Amino acid sequence: MSDKKTPIKVTLESGKKYAWCTCSHSENQPFCDGSHRKHKATPSLTFEVEETKEASLCTCKLTNNPPYCDGSHRK
C-alpha cells in the first residue's frame, strides 16, 4: 500500500465502472473494498470514464475534484 497522502496512478478503461474509496479504510486504495461497511464510514464514489486514460487518483481524500488528485495533499 502506498503512503496515504500520495496519489496513485492508474489506467482507467473506457466504459468500466469504478468505486473510489472515500473513507480511507480500503486495503485496495484508491478503490473501495467494502471496508466502509465495517467501519460505518462514507460509501464509495462510483464513476466511469468515456475514454481509456491514465489518471492520478486521490488517496488523501481532501481533493475538491474526486476521485482525481488536485494536489490538496501538499497543502
N, C-alpha and C. Protein backbone atom coordinates (compact mmCIF):
# COMPACT_ATOMS: atom_id res chain seq x y z
N MET A 1 0.85 -1.19 0.00
CA MET A 1 0.00 0.00 0.00
C MET A 1 0.89 1.25 0.00
N SER A 2 0.45 2.26 -0.66
CA SER A 2 1.25 3.48 -0.77
C SER A 2 1.03 4.38 0.43
N ASP A 3 1.84 5.43 0.50
CA ASP A 3 1.65 6.48 1.50
C ASP A 3 0.21 6.97 1.38
N LYS A 4 -0.47 7.17 2.48
CA LYS A 4 -1.88 7.56 2.46
C LYS A 4 -2.16 8.91 1.83
N LYS A 5 -1.11 9.71 1.61
CA LYS A 5 -1.33 11.02 1.00
C LYS A 5 -0.92 11.09 -0.45
N THR A 6 -0.17 10.12 -0.91
CA THR A 6 0.35 10.13 -2.27
C THR A 6 -0.69 9.60 -3.25
N PRO A 7 -0.99 10.35 -4.32
CA PRO A 7 -1.95 9.85 -5.31
C PRO A 7 -1.41 8.58 -5.98
N ILE A 8 -2.32 7.77 -6.47
CA ILE A 8 -1.96 6.54 -7.14
C ILE A 8 -2.32 6.65 -8.61
N LYS A 9 -1.33 6.41 -9.48
CA LYS A 9 -1.58 6.44 -10.92
C LYS A 9 -2.19 5.11 -11.34
N VAL A 10 -3.26 5.21 -12.10
CA VAL A 10 -3.96 4.02 -12.59
C VAL A 10 -4.36 4.23 -14.04
N THR A 11 -4.61 3.14 -14.73
CA THR A 11 -5.18 3.20 -16.07
C THR A 11 -6.67 2.92 -15.92
N LEU A 12 -7.49 3.86 -16.33
CA LEU A 12 -8.94 3.73 -16.27
C LEU A 12 -9.44 3.36 -17.66
N GLU A 13 -10.23 2.29 -17.72
CA GLU A 13 -10.71 1.79 -19.00
C GLU A 13 -12.09 2.35 -19.34
N SER A 14 -12.24 2.73 -20.59
CA SER A 14 -13.50 3.26 -21.09
C SER A 14 -14.65 2.31 -20.81
N GLY A 15 -15.74 2.86 -20.26
CA GLY A 15 -16.95 2.08 -20.04
C GLY A 15 -16.95 1.20 -18.81
N LYS A 16 -15.83 1.05 -18.12
CA LYS A 16 -15.75 0.23 -16.92
C LYS A 16 -16.17 1.07 -15.72
N LYS A 17 -16.93 0.48 -14.80
CA LYS A 17 -17.36 1.20 -13.60
C LYS A 17 -16.33 0.99 -12.50
N TYR A 18 -16.03 2.07 -11.78
CA TYR A 18 -15.06 2.05 -10.69
C TYR A 18 -15.74 2.56 -9.42
N ALA A 19 -15.24 2.10 -8.29
CA ALA A 19 -15.71 2.56 -6.99
C ALA A 19 -14.50 3.11 -6.24
N TRP A 20 -14.43 4.43 -6.14
CA TRP A 20 -13.32 5.11 -5.47
C TRP A 20 -13.60 5.16 -3.97
N CYS A 21 -12.62 4.76 -3.18
CA CYS A 21 -12.75 4.77 -1.72
C CYS A 21 -12.80 6.21 -1.22
N THR A 22 -13.81 6.53 -0.41
CA THR A 22 -13.94 7.87 0.16
C THR A 22 -13.59 7.89 1.65
N CYS A 23 -13.40 6.71 2.25
CA CYS A 23 -13.26 6.63 3.71
C CYS A 23 -11.84 6.33 4.20
N SER A 24 -10.95 5.93 3.33
CA SER A 24 -9.56 5.59 3.66
C SER A 24 -9.37 4.24 4.34
N HIS A 25 -10.42 3.47 4.53
CA HIS A 25 -10.29 2.17 5.20
C HIS A 25 -9.95 1.03 4.25
N SER A 26 -10.13 1.23 2.96
CA SER A 26 -9.89 0.16 1.99
C SER A 26 -8.43 -0.26 1.95
N GLU A 27 -8.20 -1.56 1.86
CA GLU A 27 -6.85 -2.09 1.68
C GLU A 27 -6.49 -2.09 0.19
N ASN A 28 -7.42 -1.71 -0.66
CA ASN A 28 -7.24 -1.73 -2.11
C ASN A 28 -7.24 -0.31 -2.67
N GLN A 29 -6.60 0.64 -1.97
CA GLN A 29 -6.57 2.04 -2.40
C GLN A 29 -6.04 2.17 -3.82
N PRO A 30 -6.61 3.02 -4.60
CA PRO A 30 -7.60 4.04 -4.29
C PRO A 30 -9.05 3.54 -4.43
N PHE A 31 -9.20 2.23 -4.63
CA PHE A 31 -10.54 1.69 -4.88
C PHE A 31 -11.16 1.11 -3.61
N CYS A 32 -12.46 1.06 -3.60
CA CYS A 32 -13.24 0.56 -2.46
C CYS A 32 -13.17 -0.97 -2.41
N ASP A 33 -13.03 -1.49 -1.19
CA ASP A 33 -13.12 -2.93 -0.98
C ASP A 33 -14.27 -3.28 -0.04
N GLY A 34 -15.14 -2.31 0.24
CA GLY A 34 -16.29 -2.52 1.10
C GLY A 34 -16.02 -2.30 2.58
N SER A 35 -14.80 -1.91 2.94
CA SER A 35 -14.45 -1.71 4.35
C SER A 35 -15.29 -0.65 5.04
N HIS A 36 -15.85 0.29 4.27
CA HIS A 36 -16.67 1.35 4.87
C HIS A 36 -17.85 0.77 5.63
N ARG A 37 -18.34 -0.39 5.21
CA ARG A 37 -19.49 -1.01 5.90
C ARG A 37 -19.11 -1.40 7.33
N LYS A 38 -17.97 -2.05 7.47
CA LYS A 38 -17.48 -2.48 8.79
C LYS A 38 -17.23 -1.29 9.71
N HIS A 39 -16.72 -0.20 9.14
CA HIS A 39 -16.36 0.98 9.92
C HIS A 39 -17.49 2.02 10.00
N LYS A 40 -18.64 1.69 9.38
CA LYS A 40 -19.77 2.63 9.33
C LYS A 40 -19.32 4.01 8.82
N ALA A 41 -18.54 3.96 7.74
CA ALA A 41 -17.96 5.18 7.14
C ALA A 41 -18.69 5.53 5.84
N THR A 42 -18.20 6.56 5.18
CA THR A 42 -18.82 7.03 3.94
C THR A 42 -18.72 5.98 2.84
N PRO A 43 -19.77 5.83 2.04
CA PRO A 43 -19.73 4.86 0.93
C PRO A 43 -18.83 5.33 -0.20
N SER A 44 -18.53 4.42 -1.08
CA SER A 44 -17.66 4.74 -2.22
C SER A 44 -18.33 5.69 -3.20
N LEU A 45 -17.51 6.28 -4.05
CA LEU A 45 -17.99 7.13 -5.14
C LEU A 45 -17.82 6.31 -6.42
N THR A 46 -18.91 6.00 -7.08
CA THR A 46 -18.81 5.25 -8.33
C THR A 46 -18.68 6.21 -9.50
N PHE A 47 -17.87 5.78 -10.48
CA PHE A 47 -17.64 6.62 -11.65
C PHE A 47 -17.18 5.76 -12.81
N GLU A 48 -17.25 6.31 -14.01
CA GLU A 48 -16.67 5.69 -15.20
C GLU A 48 -16.15 6.78 -16.11
N VAL A 49 -15.26 6.41 -17.00
CA VAL A 49 -14.68 7.38 -17.93
C VAL A 49 -15.13 7.07 -19.34
N GLU A 50 -15.17 8.11 -20.17
CA GLU A 50 -15.62 7.94 -21.55
C GLU A 50 -14.56 7.37 -22.45
N GLU A 51 -13.28 7.62 -22.10
CA GLU A 51 -12.19 7.06 -22.91
C GLU A 51 -11.10 6.54 -21.97
N THR A 52 -10.41 5.51 -22.40
CA THR A 52 -9.33 4.93 -21.60
C THR A 52 -8.25 6.00 -21.40
N LYS A 53 -7.80 6.13 -20.14
CA LYS A 53 -6.78 7.13 -19.84
C LYS A 53 -6.05 6.78 -18.56
N GLU A 54 -4.88 7.39 -18.40
CA GLU A 54 -4.15 7.29 -17.14
C GLU A 54 -4.57 8.46 -16.28
N ALA A 55 -4.69 8.21 -14.97
CA ALA A 55 -5.11 9.27 -14.05
C ALA A 55 -4.46 9.04 -12.70
N SER A 56 -4.29 10.13 -11.97
CA SER A 56 -3.80 10.06 -10.59
C SER A 56 -5.01 10.21 -9.68
N LEU A 57 -5.31 9.13 -8.95
CA LEU A 57 -6.46 9.16 -8.07
C LEU A 57 -6.04 9.51 -6.65
N CYS A 58 -6.84 10.31 -6.02
CA CYS A 58 -6.58 10.83 -4.68
C CYS A 58 -6.62 9.71 -3.63
N THR A 59 -5.70 9.76 -2.68
CA THR A 59 -5.75 8.86 -1.53
C THR A 59 -5.86 9.63 -0.23
N CYS A 60 -5.62 10.94 -0.24
CA CYS A 60 -5.72 11.73 1.00
C CYS A 60 -7.17 12.08 1.31
N LYS A 61 -8.04 11.97 0.32
CA LYS A 61 -9.48 12.24 0.45
C LYS A 61 -9.80 13.72 0.66
N LEU A 62 -8.86 14.60 0.39
CA LEU A 62 -9.06 16.05 0.54
C LEU A 62 -9.34 16.75 -0.79
N THR A 63 -9.26 16.02 -1.89
CA THR A 63 -9.43 16.62 -3.21
C THR A 63 -10.77 17.33 -3.37
N ASN A 64 -10.77 18.39 -4.13
CA ASN A 64 -12.00 19.08 -4.49
C ASN A 64 -12.52 18.60 -5.83
N ASN A 65 -11.85 17.59 -6.40
CA ASN A 65 -12.22 17.04 -7.70
C ASN A 65 -12.22 15.51 -7.64
N PRO A 66 -13.01 14.92 -6.73
CA PRO A 66 -12.97 13.47 -6.57
C PRO A 66 -13.40 12.75 -7.83
N PRO A 67 -12.76 11.66 -8.15
CA PRO A 67 -11.74 10.92 -7.43
C PRO A 67 -10.32 11.34 -7.78
N TYR A 68 -10.17 12.40 -8.56
CA TYR A 68 -8.87 12.78 -9.09
C TYR A 68 -8.08 13.65 -8.10
N CYS A 69 -6.78 13.43 -8.06
CA CYS A 69 -5.89 14.24 -7.22
C CYS A 69 -5.86 15.67 -7.75
N ASP A 70 -5.98 16.63 -6.85
CA ASP A 70 -5.85 18.05 -7.23
C ASP A 70 -4.70 18.73 -6.48
N GLY A 71 -3.86 17.93 -5.83
CA GLY A 71 -2.73 18.48 -5.11
C GLY A 71 -3.03 18.88 -3.67
N SER A 72 -4.24 18.64 -3.20
CA SER A 72 -4.62 19.03 -1.85
C SER A 72 -3.73 18.42 -0.77
N HIS A 73 -3.14 17.26 -1.04
CA HIS A 73 -2.29 16.59 -0.06
C HIS A 73 -1.02 17.39 0.25
N ARG A 74 -0.68 18.32 -0.63
CA ARG A 74 0.52 19.14 -0.44
C ARG A 74 0.27 20.35 0.45
N LYS A 75 -0.96 20.68 0.68
CA LYS A 75 -1.31 21.90 1.44
C LYS A 75 -1.17 21.70 2.92
